[in-house]
């Protein structure tokens, strides 16, 4: 990497999670970079207003209550609905949007797709900037990329995968210059991933990490493969996405 390259980070709490943007550039304080970063966060706030199941006024919750007609919804809502149908088909139903919400009601919940989709979409603002390398980290699901005329900045980002038993410990490190990485697990946080076939939560003593070109699909396949470990391996059409399992170190002294 050029010695003149410097790095800068920005962090906001959006969609119920910390989101950080990291940029490498000759001058990361440039105005065009600041504008792109602000646009990234603005897009994610818009996604939260539309899709949050924790906001009674979101399009998702209004739709679930029958208070919102589809023609009156934000255009992103119908776009995500269509993508969810594609994901359900591609995963043979192992990805589902028919879930219980925090208010106890059951209905359309695209949470398992929206984070990766929103971050991937928002990163387009950074790809349009001249001479930068960037990564966007949304609670551990990360997309890395380059701006315009930025091939000289293509040094990889080093990404730590947490030990499923102890998030303070790094089990291994993955290097990515461009692409996405997503991890799903339940060992430290309890069973929050649902197997649609049984309706029961899934708990395992390991996490599943998927790398690939798009964060939305990496996130979907990480969750699906946590539910059904063979799901991605039996789909050669998705061979651009690579799966890795990180076992929990149950004995920290080992």
Foldseek 3Di string as FASTA:
>chain_A
DDPLKDKDKDWDQALNFIKMKMKIFSDCVDPLNVVLVVQLVVLRNVLCQAAPLVDCNHVVNCVLVVNDDPVRGDPVVVVLVVVQVVLCVLLVNQDDQQDQGPVRDTDGHSVLQSVLVSNQVSCVSVQQDPAMWMWMATPQKIFTDHHPPHPVVQFWDKGFDAQLQDNVDGQDIDTDSGWIKDKDAASNPHFPQAGVVVRDGDHDQKMKMKIAHGSSVRSSVRSSCSNPVCRVVVDVVVVRMDMDIRGHPPDPVD
